[in-house]
Amino acid sequence: MSTMTIDQTLTFQRVQARPSGSVRLTRRGRAVVVVLALMAVLAVGIMVASGSVATGDAGTPEPTTVVLVEPGDTLWGIASAASDDGDVASMMDRIEKLNALDHSSLQSGQRLLVPVS
């Protein structure tokens, strides 16, 4: 006859309890935290940028008239005829800005918006 013996020794493992206030994040949890942080930064950026959008209220538009450029006309001549106060250079600047001109050369048949003084 053979005898069998069973070893009934109990072994205890020490499990360290986490402090009551700590949180352990998994990989998915860290990803959620990163996504939420990015969304918060994006929301703040949109709110800040929305304040810089033009309101479209540029005041009352400047009254203008349309002048058809004839052969031999110059921007100086058109500006001097349109300026009542004699400040031809500032009138030229206003005409260039209104018509988005890169230079002061004009072509015959061109239509120009000219401010009415």
N, C-alpha and C. Protein backbone atom coordinates (compact mmCIF):
# COMPACT_ATOMS: atom_id res chain seq x y z
N MET A 1 0.78 -1.14 0.00
CA MET A 1 0.00 0.00 0.00
C MET A 1 0.85 1.25 0.00
N SER A 2 0.38 2.22 -0.72
CA SER A 2 1.14 3.45 -0.79
C SER A 2 0.40 4.54 -0.02
N THR A 3 1.10 5.43 0.43
CA THR A 3 0.51 6.52 1.20
C THR A 3 0.65 7.83 0.44
N MET A 4 -0.38 8.58 0.54
CA MET A 4 -0.38 9.92 -0.07
C MET A 4 -0.45 10.94 1.04
N THR A 5 0.30 11.96 0.87
CA THR A 5 0.25 13.04 1.84
C THR A 5 -0.12 14.34 1.11
N ILE A 6 -0.90 15.11 1.73
CA ILE A 6 -1.32 16.39 1.17
C ILE A 6 -0.70 17.48 2.01
N ASP A 7 -0.03 18.34 1.34
CA ASP A 7 0.60 19.47 2.05
C ASP A 7 -0.41 20.59 2.12
N GLN A 8 -0.83 20.93 3.26
CA GLN A 8 -1.85 21.96 3.43
C GLN A 8 -1.26 23.23 4.02
N THR A 9 -0.12 23.59 3.60
CA THR A 9 0.44 24.83 4.10
C THR A 9 -0.15 25.99 3.33
N LEU A 10 -0.58 26.97 4.01
CA LEU A 10 -1.17 28.15 3.39
C LEU A 10 -0.09 29.21 3.23
N THR A 11 -0.09 29.78 2.06
CA THR A 11 0.84 30.87 1.82
C THR A 11 0.02 32.14 1.61
N PHE A 12 0.45 33.19 2.20
CA PHE A 12 -0.23 34.48 2.09
C PHE A 12 0.64 35.43 1.27
N GLN A 13 0.00 36.08 0.34
CA GLN A 13 0.69 37.09 -0.44
C GLN A 13 0.25 38.46 0.07
N ARG A 14 1.19 39.32 0.15
CA ARG A 14 0.85 40.67 0.59
C ARG A 14 0.37 41.48 -0.61
N VAL A 15 -0.81 41.97 -0.53
CA VAL A 15 -1.37 42.83 -1.55
C VAL A 15 -1.41 44.23 -0.97
N GLN A 16 -0.73 45.12 -1.69
CA GLN A 16 -0.71 46.49 -1.19
C GLN A 16 -1.98 47.19 -1.62
N ALA A 17 -2.65 47.73 -0.70
CA ALA A 17 -3.88 48.47 -1.01
C ALA A 17 -3.49 49.86 -1.52
N ARG A 18 -4.20 50.31 -2.56
CA ARG A 18 -3.96 51.64 -3.09
C ARG A 18 -4.51 52.67 -2.12
N PRO A 19 -3.85 53.81 -2.08
CA PRO A 19 -4.43 54.87 -1.26
C PRO A 19 -5.82 55.23 -1.79
N SER A 20 -6.66 55.69 -0.93
CA SER A 20 -8.06 55.90 -1.30
C SER A 20 -8.25 56.97 -2.38
N GLY A 21 -7.33 57.88 -2.58
CA GLY A 21 -7.52 58.96 -3.55
C GLY A 21 -6.84 58.73 -4.88
N SER A 22 -6.12 57.65 -5.07
CA SER A 22 -5.37 57.48 -6.33
C SER A 22 -6.22 56.79 -7.38
N VAL A 23 -5.92 57.12 -8.64
CA VAL A 23 -6.62 56.53 -9.78
C VAL A 23 -5.57 55.95 -10.71
N ARG A 24 -5.82 54.77 -11.18
CA ARG A 24 -4.89 54.13 -12.12
C ARG A 24 -5.54 54.16 -13.49
N LEU A 25 -4.85 54.80 -14.46
CA LEU A 25 -5.39 54.91 -15.80
C LEU A 25 -4.85 53.81 -16.69
N THR A 26 -5.74 53.25 -17.47
CA THR A 26 -5.33 52.27 -18.46
C THR A 26 -4.94 53.01 -19.73
N ARG A 27 -4.54 52.29 -20.73
CA ARG A 27 -4.18 52.91 -22.01
C ARG A 27 -5.38 53.61 -22.61
N ARG A 28 -6.54 52.99 -22.56
CA ARG A 28 -7.76 53.60 -23.08
C ARG A 28 -8.12 54.85 -22.27
N GLY A 29 -7.94 54.79 -20.98
CA GLY A 29 -8.24 55.94 -20.14
C GLY A 29 -7.34 57.12 -20.45
N ARG A 30 -6.05 56.85 -20.69
CA ARG A 30 -5.14 57.93 -21.07
C ARG A 30 -5.53 58.53 -22.41
N ALA A 31 -5.96 57.69 -23.35
CA ALA A 31 -6.39 58.19 -24.66
C ALA A 31 -7.62 59.08 -24.51
N VAL A 32 -8.54 58.70 -23.66
CA VAL A 32 -9.74 59.51 -23.43
C VAL A 32 -9.36 60.86 -22.82
N VAL A 33 -8.44 60.85 -21.88
CA VAL A 33 -8.01 62.10 -21.25
C VAL A 33 -7.34 63.01 -22.27
N VAL A 34 -6.51 62.46 -23.15
CA VAL A 34 -5.84 63.26 -24.18
C VAL A 34 -6.86 63.84 -25.15
N VAL A 35 -7.83 63.04 -25.58
CA VAL A 35 -8.85 63.52 -26.51
C VAL A 35 -9.68 64.62 -25.87
N LEU A 36 -10.06 64.45 -24.62
CA LEU A 36 -10.83 65.49 -23.93
C LEU A 36 -10.04 66.79 -23.78
N ALA A 37 -8.74 66.67 -23.50
CA ALA A 37 -7.91 67.86 -23.39
C ALA A 37 -7.80 68.57 -24.73
N LEU A 38 -7.64 67.81 -25.82
CA LEU A 38 -7.57 68.43 -27.14
C LEU A 38 -8.88 69.11 -27.51
N MET A 39 -9.99 68.49 -27.15
CA MET A 39 -11.29 69.11 -27.43
C MET A 39 -11.46 70.40 -26.65
N ALA A 40 -10.97 70.42 -25.42
CA ALA A 40 -11.07 71.64 -24.62
C ALA A 40 -10.23 72.75 -25.23
N VAL A 41 -9.02 72.43 -25.68
CA VAL A 41 -8.16 73.43 -26.31
C VAL A 41 -8.80 73.93 -27.61
N LEU A 42 -9.39 73.04 -28.38
CA LEU A 42 -10.05 73.42 -29.61
C LEU A 42 -11.24 74.34 -29.34
N ALA A 43 -12.02 74.03 -28.31
CA ALA A 43 -13.17 74.86 -27.96
C ALA A 43 -12.73 76.26 -27.55
N VAL A 44 -11.66 76.35 -26.76
CA VAL A 44 -11.15 77.66 -26.35
C VAL A 44 -10.64 78.43 -27.56
N GLY A 45 -9.96 77.74 -28.48
CA GLY A 45 -9.47 78.40 -29.69
C GLY A 45 -10.60 78.93 -30.56
N ILE A 46 -11.67 78.18 -30.68
CA ILE A 46 -12.81 78.64 -31.47
C ILE A 46 -13.46 79.85 -30.81
N MET A 47 -13.57 79.83 -29.50
CA MET A 47 -14.18 80.96 -28.80
C MET A 47 -13.34 82.22 -28.94
N VAL A 48 -12.04 82.07 -28.87
CA VAL A 48 -11.15 83.23 -29.02
C VAL A 48 -11.20 83.74 -30.46
N ALA A 49 -11.19 82.83 -31.42
CA ALA A 49 -11.17 83.23 -32.83
C ALA A 49 -12.50 83.84 -33.26
N SER A 50 -13.59 83.45 -32.63
CA SER A 50 -14.88 84.00 -33.04
C SER A 50 -15.00 85.48 -32.70
N GLY A 51 -14.24 85.93 -31.75
CA GLY A 51 -14.26 87.35 -31.40
C GLY A 51 -13.54 88.21 -32.41
N SER A 52 -12.68 87.61 -33.22
CA SER A 52 -11.91 88.39 -34.18
C SER A 52 -12.54 88.43 -35.57
N VAL A 53 -13.68 87.81 -35.71
CA VAL A 53 -14.36 87.81 -37.01
C VAL A 53 -14.95 89.19 -37.26
N ALA A 54 -14.82 89.66 -38.47
CA ALA A 54 -15.37 90.96 -38.82
C ALA A 54 -16.88 90.92 -38.72
N THR A 55 -17.46 91.99 -38.21
CA THR A 55 -18.90 92.02 -38.02
C THR A 55 -19.63 92.44 -39.27
N GLY A 56 -18.94 92.96 -40.23
CA GLY A 56 -19.59 93.40 -41.45
C GLY A 56 -20.13 94.81 -41.34
N ASP A 57 -20.02 95.42 -40.19
CA ASP A 57 -20.49 96.78 -40.00
C ASP A 57 -19.32 97.73 -40.21
N ALA A 58 -19.09 98.09 -41.44
CA ALA A 58 -17.97 98.96 -41.77
C ALA A 58 -18.42 100.42 -41.82
N GLY A 59 -19.55 100.71 -41.28
CA GLY A 59 -20.06 102.07 -41.33
C GLY A 59 -20.80 102.29 -42.63
N THR A 60 -21.04 103.53 -42.92
CA THR A 60 -21.74 103.83 -44.17
C THR A 60 -20.75 103.80 -45.32
N PRO A 61 -21.12 103.19 -46.44
CA PRO A 61 -20.19 103.14 -47.56
C PRO A 61 -19.98 104.52 -48.15
N GLU A 62 -18.81 104.70 -48.70
CA GLU A 62 -18.45 105.98 -49.30
C GLU A 62 -19.23 106.16 -50.61
N PRO A 63 -19.88 107.29 -50.79
CA PRO A 63 -20.61 107.50 -52.05
C PRO A 63 -19.61 107.62 -53.21
N THR A 64 -19.91 106.91 -54.28
CA THR A 64 -19.02 106.90 -55.44
C THR A 64 -19.81 107.13 -56.72
N THR A 65 -19.08 107.43 -57.75
CA THR A 65 -19.63 107.51 -59.09
C THR A 65 -18.72 106.73 -60.02
N VAL A 66 -19.25 106.26 -61.14
CA VAL A 66 -18.46 105.48 -62.10
C VAL A 66 -17.99 106.42 -63.20
N VAL A 67 -16.68 106.37 -63.46
CA VAL A 67 -16.07 107.19 -64.51
C VAL A 67 -15.51 106.25 -65.56
N LEU A 68 -15.84 106.50 -66.83
CA LEU A 68 -15.30 105.73 -67.94
C LEU A 68 -14.02 106.40 -68.42
N VAL A 69 -12.93 105.66 -68.43
CA VAL A 69 -11.63 106.21 -68.82
C VAL A 69 -11.61 106.40 -70.33
N GLU A 70 -11.31 107.62 -70.74
CA GLU A 70 -11.20 107.98 -72.16
C GLU A 70 -9.74 107.89 -72.58
N PRO A 71 -9.46 107.80 -73.87
CA PRO A 71 -8.06 107.79 -74.31
C PRO A 71 -7.35 109.08 -73.87
N GLY A 72 -6.18 108.93 -73.28
CA GLY A 72 -5.40 110.08 -72.82
C GLY A 72 -5.67 110.46 -71.37
N ASP A 73 -6.67 109.87 -70.73
CA ASP A 73 -6.94 110.17 -69.32
C ASP A 73 -5.87 109.56 -68.44
N THR A 74 -5.55 110.26 -67.36
CA THR A 74 -4.61 109.75 -66.37
C THR A 74 -5.30 109.71 -65.02
N LEU A 75 -4.74 108.94 -64.13
CA LEU A 75 -5.31 108.87 -62.77
C LEU A 75 -5.20 110.23 -62.09
N TRP A 76 -4.11 110.93 -62.34
CA TRP A 76 -3.93 112.27 -61.77
C TRP A 76 -5.03 113.20 -62.26
N GLY A 77 -5.33 113.17 -63.53
CA GLY A 77 -6.36 114.05 -64.09
C GLY A 77 -7.74 113.73 -63.54
N ILE A 78 -8.06 112.45 -63.42
CA ILE A 78 -9.37 112.06 -62.86
C ILE A 78 -9.44 112.45 -61.39
N ALA A 79 -8.34 112.24 -60.65
CA ALA A 79 -8.33 112.58 -59.22
C ALA A 79 -8.40 114.09 -59.02
N SER A 80 -7.75 114.88 -59.87
CA SER A 80 -7.80 116.33 -59.71
C SER A 80 -9.19 116.86 -60.03
N ALA A 81 -9.88 116.23 -60.97
CA ALA A 81 -11.25 116.66 -61.28
C ALA A 81 -12.22 116.28 -60.17
N ALA A 82 -11.92 115.18 -59.45
CA ALA A 82 -12.84 114.69 -58.41
C ALA A 82 -12.58 115.33 -57.05
N SER A 83 -11.38 115.83 -56.82
CA SER A 83 -11.07 116.38 -55.49
C SER A 83 -11.47 117.84 -55.42
N ASP A 84 -12.33 118.16 -54.47
CA ASP A 84 -12.77 119.54 -54.29
C ASP A 84 -11.79 120.35 -53.46
N ASP A 85 -11.10 119.69 -52.55
CA ASP A 85 -10.22 120.41 -51.64
C ASP A 85 -8.81 120.60 -52.19
N GLY A 86 -8.51 120.03 -53.36
CA GLY A 86 -7.21 120.23 -53.98
C GLY A 86 -6.17 119.20 -53.57
N ASP A 87 -6.52 118.25 -52.71
CA ASP A 87 -5.58 117.22 -52.28
C ASP A 87 -5.66 116.05 -53.26
N VAL A 88 -4.94 116.19 -54.35
CA VAL A 88 -5.02 115.22 -55.45
C VAL A 88 -4.38 113.90 -55.06
N ALA A 89 -3.28 113.93 -54.31
CA ALA A 89 -2.57 112.70 -53.94
C ALA A 89 -3.45 111.79 -53.09
N SER A 90 -4.17 112.36 -52.12
CA SER A 90 -5.03 111.52 -51.28
C SER A 90 -6.22 110.99 -52.08
N MET A 91 -6.72 111.79 -53.04
CA MET A 91 -7.81 111.31 -53.90
C MET A 91 -7.32 110.16 -54.78
N MET A 92 -6.08 110.24 -55.26
CA MET A 92 -5.51 109.14 -56.05
C MET A 92 -5.44 107.87 -55.20
N ASP A 93 -5.01 108.01 -53.96
CA ASP A 93 -4.94 106.85 -53.06
C ASP A 93 -6.32 106.24 -52.85
N ARG A 94 -7.33 107.08 -52.65
CA ARG A 94 -8.69 106.58 -52.44
C ARG A 94 -9.21 105.85 -53.68
N ILE A 95 -8.93 106.40 -54.86
CA ILE A 95 -9.36 105.75 -56.11
C ILE A 95 -8.65 104.41 -56.29
N GLU A 96 -7.33 104.38 -56.01
CA GLU A 96 -6.58 103.14 -56.14
C GLU A 96 -7.11 102.07 -55.19
N LYS A 97 -7.46 102.45 -53.96
CA LYS A 97 -7.98 101.47 -52.99
C LYS A 97 -9.38 101.00 -53.38
N LEU A 98 -10.23 101.91 -53.84
CA LEU A 98 -11.59 101.53 -54.23
C LEU A 98 -11.60 100.55 -55.40
N ASN A 99 -10.66 100.71 -56.33
CA ASN A 99 -10.64 99.91 -57.54
C ASN A 99 -9.58 98.81 -57.51
N ALA A 100 -8.87 98.67 -56.39
CA ALA A 100 -7.83 97.65 -56.22
C ALA A 100 -6.80 97.72 -57.35
N LEU A 101 -6.32 98.92 -57.60
CA LEU A 101 -5.32 99.13 -58.65
C LEU A 101 -3.93 98.87 -58.09
N ASP A 102 -3.11 98.16 -58.86
CA ASP A 102 -1.72 97.93 -58.46
C ASP A 102 -0.82 99.10 -58.81
N HIS A 103 -1.18 99.81 -59.86
CA HIS A 103 -0.38 100.94 -60.32
C HIS A 103 -1.32 101.99 -60.89
N SER A 104 -0.77 103.11 -61.25
CA SER A 104 -1.62 104.22 -61.67
C SER A 104 -1.89 104.26 -63.17
N SER A 105 -1.44 103.28 -63.92
CA SER A 105 -1.71 103.30 -65.35
C SER A 105 -3.13 102.80 -65.62
N LEU A 106 -3.80 103.48 -66.53
CA LEU A 106 -5.19 103.17 -66.86
C LEU A 106 -5.29 102.76 -68.33
N GLN A 107 -6.37 102.05 -68.65
CA GLN A 107 -6.61 101.66 -70.03
C GLN A 107 -7.90 102.30 -70.51
N SER A 108 -7.93 102.64 -71.77
CA SER A 108 -9.12 103.25 -72.36
C SER A 108 -10.30 102.29 -72.27
N GLY A 109 -11.45 102.77 -71.82
CA GLY A 109 -12.63 101.95 -71.66
C GLY A 109 -12.78 101.35 -70.27
N GLN A 110 -11.79 101.53 -69.44
CA GLN A 110 -11.84 101.01 -68.07
C GLN A 110 -12.83 101.82 -67.24
N ARG A 111 -13.57 101.15 -66.38
CA ARG A 111 -14.52 101.84 -65.50
C ARG A 111 -13.90 101.94 -64.11
N LEU A 112 -13.93 103.15 -63.57
CA LEU A 112 -13.37 103.41 -62.26
C LEU A 112 -14.43 103.92 -61.31
N LEU A 113 -14.37 103.44 -60.06
CA LEU A 113 -15.20 104.02 -59.02
C LEU A 113 -14.43 105.21 -58.44
N VAL A 114 -15.07 106.35 -58.44
CA VAL A 114 -14.43 107.57 -57.94
C VAL A 114 -15.29 108.13 -56.81
N PRO A 115 -14.67 108.41 -55.64
CA PRO A 115 -15.43 108.97 -54.53
C PRO A 115 -16.02 110.33 -54.87
N VAL A 116 -17.22 110.56 -54.40
CA VAL A 116 -17.86 111.86 -54.59
C VAL A 116 -17.55 112.69 -53.36
N SER A 117 -16.89 113.80 -53.55
CA SER A 117 -16.49 114.64 -52.40
C SER A 117 -17.63 115.50 -51.91
